[in-house]
Amino acid sequence: MRLTSSSAFTIATGQTVSNDVDVRTGTVIALLIPAEFDGTTITFMGSQDDVTYYSIQSAGGTLFTVTTAASRRVNLGPADLYG
């Protein structure tokens, strides 16, 4: 049996940060980028208390980013956002 779930986040027009999405009970495996997306790079932030947010960095210490375009599915590795 395959279990799936989805959560939506929105970046308002003219803004650069979305609402938060709780991913503690699952694993992020993909981002579905809508046709209206007009950026090129997505960065991620995480929080342990839903108050203070930090930029997520890779194991090598660099900012974790995804380069994409509109109307795409971006697959993420199991460890990309885990931690």
PDB file of N, CA and C in Angstrom:
ATOM      1  N   MET A   1       0.828  -1.163   0.000  1.00  0.00           N
ATOM      2  CA  MET A   1       0.000   0.000   0.000  1.00  0.00           C
ATOM      3  C   MET A   1       0.885   1.245   0.000  1.00  0.00           C
ATOM      4  N   ARG A   2       0.559   2.160  -0.851  1.00  0.00           N
ATOM      5  CA  ARG A   2       1.324   3.397  -0.955  1.00  0.00           C
ATOM      6  C   ARG A   2       0.559   4.524  -0.255  1.00  0.00           C
ATOM      7  N   LEU A   3       1.208   5.168   0.690  1.00  0.00           N
ATOM      8  CA  LEU A   3       0.593   6.278   1.398  1.00  0.00           C
ATOM      9  C   LEU A   3       1.136   7.582   0.864  1.00  0.00           C
ATOM     10  N   THR A   4       0.256   8.505   0.577  1.00  0.00           N
ATOM     11  CA  THR A   4       0.687   9.820   0.121  1.00  0.00           C
ATOM     12  C   THR A   4      -0.047  10.902   0.892  1.00  0.00           C
ATOM     13  N   SER A   5       0.582  12.023   0.962  1.00  0.00           N
ATOM     14  CA  SER A   5       0.011  13.178   1.627  1.00  0.00           C
ATOM     15  C   SER A   5       0.588  14.411   0.970  1.00  0.00           C
ATOM     16  N   SER A   6      -0.111  15.502   1.047  1.00  0.00           N
ATOM     17  CA  SER A   6       0.450  16.728   0.496  1.00  0.00           C
ATOM     18  C   SER A   6       0.130  17.898   1.413  1.00  0.00           C
ATOM     19  N   SER A   7       0.984  18.877   1.350  1.00  0.00           N
ATOM     20  CA  SER A   7       0.809  20.123   2.088  1.00  0.00           C
ATOM     21  C   SER A   7       1.088  21.263   1.127  1.00  0.00           C
ATOM     22  N   ALA A   8       0.311  22.306   1.251  1.00  0.00           N
ATOM     23  CA  ALA A   8       0.501  23.450   0.361  1.00  0.00           C
ATOM     24  C   ALA A   8       1.110  24.619   1.115  1.00  0.00           C
ATOM     25  N   PHE A   9       1.941  25.340   0.432  1.00  0.00           N
ATOM     26  CA  PHE A   9       2.452  26.593   0.975  1.00  0.00           C
ATOM     27  C   PHE A   9       2.319  27.645  -0.109  1.00  0.00           C
ATOM     28  N   THR A  10       2.182  28.882   0.318  1.00  0.00           N
ATOM     29  CA  THR A  10       1.966  29.970  -0.621  1.00  0.00           C
ATOM     30  C   THR A  10       2.938  31.105  -0.336  1.00  0.00           C
ATOM     31  N   ILE A  11       3.541  31.597  -1.384  1.00  0.00           N
ATOM     32  CA  ILE A  11       4.358  32.801  -1.293  1.00  0.00           C
ATOM     33  C   ILE A  11       3.529  33.902  -1.947  1.00  0.00           C
ATOM     34  N   ALA A  12       3.094  34.855  -1.149  1.00  0.00           N
ATOM     35  CA  ALA A  12       2.241  35.925  -1.658  1.00  0.00           C
ATOM     36  C   ALA A  12       2.981  36.789  -2.675  1.00  0.00           C
ATOM     37  N   THR A  13       2.246  37.374  -3.588  1.00  0.00           N
ATOM     38  CA  THR A  13       2.819  38.256  -4.600  1.00  0.00           C
ATOM     39  C   THR A  13       3.638  39.364  -3.940  1.00  0.00           C
ATOM     40  N   GLY A  14       4.865  39.536  -4.413  1.00  0.00           N
ATOM     41  CA  GLY A  14       5.744  40.572  -3.886  1.00  0.00           C
ATOM     42  C   GLY A  14       6.498  40.171  -2.629  1.00  0.00           C
ATOM     43  N   GLN A  15       6.267  38.962  -2.128  1.00  0.00           N
ATOM     44  CA  GLN A  15       6.936  38.483  -0.919  1.00  0.00           C
ATOM     45  C   GLN A  15       7.968  37.418  -1.271  1.00  0.00           C
ATOM     46  N   THR A  16       8.801  37.043  -0.296  1.00  0.00           N
ATOM     47  CA  THR A  16       9.825  36.028  -0.530  1.00  0.00           C
ATOM     48  C   THR A  16       9.739  34.866   0.445  1.00  0.00           C
ATOM     49  N   VAL A  17       8.805  34.922   1.401  1.00  0.00           N
ATOM     50  CA  VAL A  17       8.675  33.871   2.413  1.00  0.00           C
ATOM     51  C   VAL A  17       7.243  33.346   2.399  1.00  0.00           C
ATOM     52  N   SER A  18       7.104  32.036   2.503  1.00  0.00           N
ATOM     53  CA  SER A  18       5.775  31.418   2.514  1.00  0.00           C
ATOM     54  C   SER A  18       5.283  31.225   3.943  1.00  0.00           C
ATOM     55  N   ASN A  19       4.067  30.738   4.033  1.00  0.00           N
ATOM     56  CA  ASN A  19       3.572  30.242   5.309  1.00  0.00           C
ATOM     57  C   ASN A  19       4.386  29.006   5.682  1.00  0.00           C
ATOM     58  N   ASP A  20       4.351  28.608   6.950  1.00  0.00           N
ATOM     59  CA  ASP A  20       5.103  27.413   7.342  1.00  0.00           C
ATOM     60  C   ASP A  20       4.293  26.160   7.042  1.00  0.00           C
ATOM     61  N   VAL A  21       5.015  25.065   6.845  1.00  0.00           N
ATOM     62  CA  VAL A  21       4.410  23.757   6.592  1.00  0.00           C
ATOM     63  C   VAL A  21       5.056  22.771   7.552  1.00  0.00           C
ATOM     64  N   ASP A  22       4.240  22.091   8.335  1.00  0.00           N
ATOM     65  CA  ASP A  22       4.744  21.117   9.304  1.00  0.00           C
ATOM     66  C   ASP A  22       5.071  19.811   8.584  1.00  0.00           C
ATOM     67  N   VAL A  23       6.346  19.447   8.567  1.00  0.00           N
ATOM     68  CA  VAL A  23       6.769  18.212   7.899  1.00  0.00           C
ATOM     69  C   VAL A  23       7.336  17.199   8.890  1.00  0.00           C
ATOM     70  N   ARG A  24       7.019  17.376  10.168  1.00  0.00           N
ATOM     71  CA  ARG A  24       7.566  16.466  11.190  1.00  0.00           C
ATOM     72  C   ARG A  24       7.038  15.047  11.072  1.00  0.00           C
ATOM     73  N   THR A  25       5.883  14.849  10.461  1.00  0.00           N
ATOM     74  CA  THR A  25       5.301  13.513  10.388  1.00  0.00           C
ATOM     75  C   THR A  25       5.501  12.851   9.035  1.00  0.00           C
ATOM     76  N   GLY A  26       6.340  13.414   8.205  1.00  0.00           N
ATOM     77  CA  GLY A  26       6.557  12.833   6.892  1.00  0.00           C
ATOM     78  C   GLY A  26       7.891  13.234   6.319  1.00  0.00           C
ATOM     79  N   THR A  27       8.092  12.903   5.072  1.00  0.00           N
ATOM     80  CA  THR A  27       9.316  13.229   4.364  1.00  0.00           C
ATOM     81  C   THR A  27       8.956  14.008   3.112  1.00  0.00           C
ATOM     82  N   VAL A  28       9.601  15.140   2.923  1.00  0.00           N
ATOM     83  CA  VAL A  28       9.374  15.922   1.707  1.00  0.00           C
ATOM     84  C   VAL A  28      10.099  15.219   0.570  1.00  0.00           C
ATOM     85  N   ILE A  29       9.348  14.847  -0.474  1.00  0.00           N
ATOM     86  CA  ILE A  29       9.987  14.152  -1.591  1.00  0.00           C
ATOM     87  C   ILE A  29       9.980  14.952  -2.879  1.00  0.00           C
ATOM     88  N   ALA A  30       9.090  15.953  -2.958  1.00  0.00           N
ATOM     89  CA  ALA A  30       9.027  16.739  -4.191  1.00  0.00           C
ATOM     90  C   ALA A  30       8.335  18.069  -3.944  1.00  0.00           C
ATOM     91  N   LEU A  31       8.673  19.022  -4.781  1.00  0.00           N
ATOM     92  CA  LEU A  31       7.981  20.301  -4.819  1.00  0.00           C
ATOM     93  C   LEU A  31       7.308  20.404  -6.178  1.00  0.00           C
ATOM     94  N   LEU A  32       6.057  20.793  -6.184  1.00  0.00           N
ATOM     95  CA  LEU A  32       5.344  21.025  -7.437  1.00  0.00           C
ATOM     96  C   LEU A  32       5.294  22.533  -7.641  1.00  0.00           C
ATOM     97  N   ILE A  33       5.985  23.002  -8.638  1.00  0.00           N
ATOM     98  CA  ILE A  33       6.119  24.435  -8.884  1.00  0.00           C
ATOM     99  C   ILE A  33       5.014  24.864  -9.849  1.00  0.00           C
ATOM    100  N   PRO A  34       4.157  25.805  -9.440  1.00  0.00           N
ATOM    101  CA  PRO A  34       3.036  26.201 -10.295  1.00  0.00           C
ATOM    102  C   PRO A  34       3.471  27.048 -11.485  1.00  0.00           C
ATOM    103  N   ALA A  35       2.590  27.157 -12.452  1.00  0.00           N
ATOM    104  CA  ALA A  35       2.870  27.947 -13.658  1.00  0.00           C
ATOM    105  C   ALA A  35       3.100  29.417 -13.327  1.00  0.00           C
ATOM    106  N   GLU A  36       2.530  29.893 -12.232  1.00  0.00           N
ATOM    107  CA  GLU A  36       2.655  31.298 -11.867  1.00  0.00           C
ATOM    108  C   GLU A  36       3.989  31.644 -11.200  1.00  0.00           C
ATOM    109  N   PHE A  37       4.787  30.668 -10.889  1.00  0.00           N
ATOM    110  CA  PHE A  37       6.071  30.901 -10.219  1.00  0.00           C
ATOM    111  C   PHE A  37       6.974  31.716 -11.130  1.00  0.00           C
ATOM    112  N   ASP A  38       7.557  32.791 -10.582  1.00  0.00           N
ATOM    113  CA  ASP A  38       8.416  33.624 -11.423  1.00  0.00           C
ATOM    114  C   ASP A  38       9.825  33.790 -10.857  1.00  0.00           C
ATOM    115  N   GLY A  39      10.199  32.944  -9.938  1.00  0.00           N
ATOM    116  CA  GLY A  39      11.548  32.986  -9.401  1.00  0.00           C
ATOM    117  C   GLY A  39      12.443  31.976 -10.086  1.00  0.00           C
ATOM    118  N   THR A  40      13.650  31.819  -9.569  1.00  0.00           N
ATOM    119  CA  THR A  40      14.561  30.817 -10.112  1.00  0.00           C
ATOM    120  C   THR A  40      15.151  29.935  -9.017  1.00  0.00           C
ATOM    121  N   THR A  41      15.225  30.452  -7.789  1.00  0.00           N
ATOM    122  CA  THR A  41      15.857  29.719  -6.706  1.00  0.00           C
ATOM    123  C   THR A  41      14.956  29.694  -5.480  1.00  0.00           C
ATOM    124  N   ILE A  42      14.846  28.528  -4.870  1.00  0.00           N
ATOM    125  CA  ILE A  42      14.080  28.370  -3.636  1.00  0.00           C
ATOM    126  C   ILE A  42      15.062  28.008  -2.528  1.00  0.00           C
ATOM    127  N   THR A  43      14.977  28.704  -1.417  1.00  0.00           N
ATOM    128  CA  THR A  43      15.751  28.357  -0.229  1.00  0.00           C
ATOM    129  C   THR A  43      14.773  27.888   0.840  1.00  0.00           C
ATOM    130  N   PHE A  44      15.281  27.263   1.888  1.00  0.00           N
ATOM    131  CA  PHE A  44      14.428  26.659   2.903  1.00  0.00           C
ATOM    132  C   PHE A  44      14.831  27.126   4.285  1.00  0.00           C
ATOM    133  N   MET A  45      13.834  27.205   5.163  1.00  0.00           N
ATOM    134  CA  MET A  45      14.079  27.565   6.554  1.00  0.00           C
ATOM    135  C   MET A  45      13.421  26.516   7.433  1.00  0.00           C
ATOM    136  N   GLY A  46      13.963  26.336   8.620  1.00  0.00           N
ATOM    137  CA  GLY A  46      13.408  25.374   9.554  1.00  0.00           C
ATOM    138  C   GLY A  46      13.322  25.962  10.947  1.00  0.00           C
ATOM    139  N   SER A  47      12.464  25.365  11.778  1.00  0.00           N
ATOM    140  CA  SER A  47      12.281  25.838  13.138  1.00  0.00           C
ATOM    141  C   SER A  47      11.959  24.661  14.037  1.00  0.00           C
ATOM    142  N   GLN A  48      12.407  24.731  15.268  1.00  0.00           N
ATOM    143  CA  GLN A  48      12.055  23.707  16.251  1.00  0.00           C
ATOM    144  C   GLN A  48      10.935  24.172  17.165  1.00  0.00           C
ATOM    145  N   ASP A  49      10.668  25.484  17.166  1.00  0.00           N
ATOM    146  CA  ASP A  49       9.655  26.014  18.087  1.00  0.00           C
ATOM    147  C   ASP A  49       8.570  26.829  17.385  1.00  0.00           C
ATOM    148  N   ASP A  50       8.572  26.885  16.078  1.00  0.00           N
ATOM    149  CA  ASP A  50       7.610  27.657  15.283  1.00  0.00           C
ATOM    150  C   ASP A  50       7.667  29.159  15.572  1.00  0.00           C
ATOM    151  N   VAL A  51       8.764  29.621  16.139  1.00  0.00           N
ATOM    152  CA  VAL A  51       8.954  31.043  16.439  1.00  0.00           C
ATOM    153  C   VAL A  51      10.213  31.555  15.750  1.00  0.00           C
ATOM    154  N   THR A  52      11.321  30.884  16.008  1.00  0.00           N
ATOM    155  CA  THR A  52      12.605  31.276  15.433  1.00  0.00           C
ATOM    156  C   THR A  52      12.921  30.354  14.264  1.00  0.00           C
ATOM    157  N   TYR A  53      13.187  30.945  13.108  1.00  0.00           N
ATOM    158  CA  TYR A  53      13.470  30.174  11.892  1.00  0.00           C
ATOM    159  C   TYR A  53      14.912  30.416  11.456  1.00  0.00           C
ATOM    160  N   TYR A  54      15.540  29.370  10.954  1.00  0.00           N
ATOM    161  CA  TYR A  54      16.930  29.403  10.508  1.00  0.00           C
ATOM    162  C   TYR A  54      17.012  28.900   9.079  1.00  0.00           C
ATOM    163  N   SER A  55      17.948  29.444   8.322  1.00  0.00           N
ATOM    164  CA  SER A  55      18.200  28.934   6.976  1.00  0.00           C
ATOM    165  C   SER A  55      18.746  27.521   7.077  1.00  0.00           C
ATOM    166  N   ILE A  56      18.282  26.643   6.216  1.00  0.00           N
ATOM    167  CA  ILE A  56      18.769  25.264   6.205  1.00  0.00           C
ATOM    168  C   ILE A  56      20.020  25.203   5.336  1.00  0.00           C
ATOM    169  N   GLN A  57      21.059  24.590   5.882  1.00  0.00           N
ATOM    170  CA  GLN A  57      22.315  24.436   5.163  1.00  0.00           C
ATOM    171  C   GLN A  57      22.573  22.963   4.892  1.00  0.00           C
ATOM    172  N   SER A  58      23.338  22.697   3.866  1.00  0.00           N
ATOM    173  CA  SER A  58      23.737  21.325   3.553  1.00  0.00           C
ATOM    174  C   SER A  58      24.763  20.857   4.573  1.00  0.00           C
ATOM    175  N   ALA A  59      25.084  19.588   4.534  1.00  0.00           N
ATOM    176  CA  ALA A  59      26.089  19.036   5.445  1.00  0.00           C
ATOM    177  C   ALA A  59      27.438  19.723   5.270  1.00  0.00           C
ATOM    178  N   GLY A  60      27.701  20.248   4.089  1.00  0.00           N
ATOM    179  CA  GLY A  60      28.957  20.940   3.816  1.00  0.00           C
ATOM    180  C   GLY A  60      28.969  22.388   4.282  1.00  0.00           C
ATOM    181  N   GLY A  61      27.843  22.859   4.833  1.00  0.00           N
ATOM    182  CA  GLY A  61      27.786  24.207   5.362  1.00  0.00           C
ATOM    183  C   GLY A  61      27.321  25.277   4.397  1.00  0.00           C
ATOM    184  N   THR A  62      26.907  24.887   3.196  1.00  0.00           N
ATOM    185  CA  THR A  62      26.404  25.870   2.244  1.00  0.00           C
ATOM    186  C   THR A  62      24.875  25.912   2.306  1.00  0.00           C
ATOM    187  N   LEU A  63      24.314  27.051   1.955  1.00  0.00           N
ATOM    188  CA  LEU A  63      22.869  27.229   1.958  1.00  0.00           C
ATOM    189  C   LEU A  63      22.230  26.208   1.025  1.00  0.00           C
ATOM    190  N   PHE A  64      21.211  25.487   1.530  1.00  0.00           N
ATOM    191  CA  PHE A  64      20.518  24.499   0.704  1.00  0.00           C
ATOM    192  C   PHE A  64      19.533  25.235  -0.197  1.00  0.00           C
ATOM    193  N   THR A  65      19.708  25.117  -1.495  1.00  0.00           N
ATOM    194  CA  THR A  65      18.840  25.776  -2.462  1.00  0.00           C
ATOM    195  C   THR A  65      18.407  24.801  -3.539  1.00  0.00           C
ATOM    196  N   VAL A  66      17.299  25.140  -4.191  1.00  0.00           N
ATOM    197  CA  VAL A  66      16.820  24.400  -5.344  1.00  0.00           C
ATOM    198  C   VAL A  66      16.621  25.411  -6.466  1.00  0.00           C
ATOM    199  N   THR A  67      17.222  25.162  -7.593  1.00  0.00           N
ATOM    200  CA  THR A  67      17.035  26.010  -8.762  1.00  0.00           C
ATOM    201  C   THR A  67      15.958  25.376  -9.632  1.00  0.00           C
ATOM    202  N   THR A  68      14.975  26.181 -10.010  1.00  0.00           N
ATOM    203  CA  THR A  68      13.839  25.629 -10.741  1.00  0.00           C
ATOM    204  C   THR A  68      13.218  26.697 -11.631  1.00  0.00           C
ATOM    205  N   ALA A  69      12.106  26.358 -12.231  1.00  0.00           N
ATOM    206  CA  ALA A  69      11.328  27.282 -13.061  1.00  0.00           C
ATOM    207  C   ALA A  69       9.861  26.897 -12.930  1.00  0.00           C
ATOM    208  N   ALA A  70       9.008  27.659 -13.551  1.00  0.00           N
ATOM    209  CA  ALA A  70       7.569  27.407 -13.474  1.00  0.00           C
ATOM    210  C   ALA A  70       7.196  26.063 -14.091  1.00  0.00           C
ATOM    211  N   SER A  71       6.107  25.511 -13.600  1.00  0.00           N
ATOM    212  CA  SER A  71       5.518  24.267 -14.136  1.00  0.00           C
ATOM    213  C   SER A  71       6.472  23.088 -14.082  1.00  0.00           C
ATOM    214  N   ARG A  72       7.109  22.888 -12.957  1.00  0.00           N
ATOM    215  CA  ARG A  72       8.050  21.772 -12.801  1.00  0.00           C
ATOM    216  C   ARG A  72       7.765  21.005 -11.525  1.00  0.00           C
ATOM    217  N   ARG A  73       8.210  19.765 -11.508  1.00  0.00           N
ATOM    218  CA  ARG A  73       8.255  18.962 -10.292  1.00  0.00           C
ATOM    219  C   ARG A  73       9.728  18.818  -9.946  1.00  0.00           C
ATOM    220  N   VAL A  74      10.074  19.164  -8.714  1.00  0.00           N
ATOM    221  CA  VAL A  74      11.464  19.086  -8.273  1.00  0.00           C
ATOM    222  C   VAL A  74      11.550  17.993  -7.213  1.00  0.00           C
ATOM    223  N   ASN A  75      12.270  16.913  -7.523  1.00  0.00           N
ATOM    224  CA  ASN A  75      12.437  15.828  -6.559  1.00  0.00           C
ATOM    225  C   ASN A  75      13.547  16.168  -5.560  1.00  0.00           C
ATOM    226  N   LEU A  76      13.294  15.834  -4.300  1.00  0.00           N
ATOM    227  CA  LEU A  76      14.279  16.050  -3.257  1.00  0.00           C
ATOM    228  C   LEU A  76      14.748  14.718  -2.709  1.00  0.00           C
ATOM    229  N   GLY A  77      15.996  14.644  -2.280  1.00  0.00           N
ATOM    230  CA  GLY A  77      16.515  13.423  -1.673  1.00  0.00           C
ATOM    231  C   GLY A  77      15.993  13.274  -0.250  1.00  0.00           C
ATOM    232  N   PRO A  78      15.953  12.055   0.272  1.00  0.00           N
ATOM    233  CA  PRO A  78      15.399  11.803   1.608  1.00  0.00           C
ATOM    234  C   PRO A  78      16.071  12.618   2.714  1.00  0.00           C
ATOM    235  N   ALA A  79      17.343  12.921   2.591  1.00  0.00           N
ATOM    236  CA  ALA A  79      18.050  13.623   3.669  1.00  0.00           C
ATOM    237  C   ALA A  79      18.137  15.137   3.449  1.00  0.00           C
ATOM    238  N   ASP A  80      17.623  15.643   2.349  1.00  0.00           N
ATOM    239  CA  ASP A  80      17.781  17.069   2.042  1.00  0.00           C
ATOM    240  C   ASP A  80      17.230  17.986   3.120  1.00  0.00           C
ATOM    241  N   LEU A  81      16.063  17.680   3.664  1.00  0.00           N
ATOM    242  CA  LEU A  81      15.432  18.543   4.655  1.00  0.00           C
ATOM    243  C   LEU A  81      15.269  17.861   6.005  1.00  0.00           C
ATOM    244  N   TYR A  82      15.875  16.714   6.186  1.00  0.00           N
ATOM    245  CA  TYR A  82      15.740  15.976   7.444  1.00  0.00           C
ATOM    246  C   TYR A  82      16.715  16.510   8.475  1.00  0.00           C
ATOM    247  N   GLY A  83      16.246  16.638   9.701  1.00  0.00           N
ATOM    248  CA  GLY A  83      17.178  17.025  10.734  1.00  0.00           C
ATOM    249  C   GLY A  83      16.638  17.873  11.804  1.00  0.00           C
TER     250      GLY A  83
END
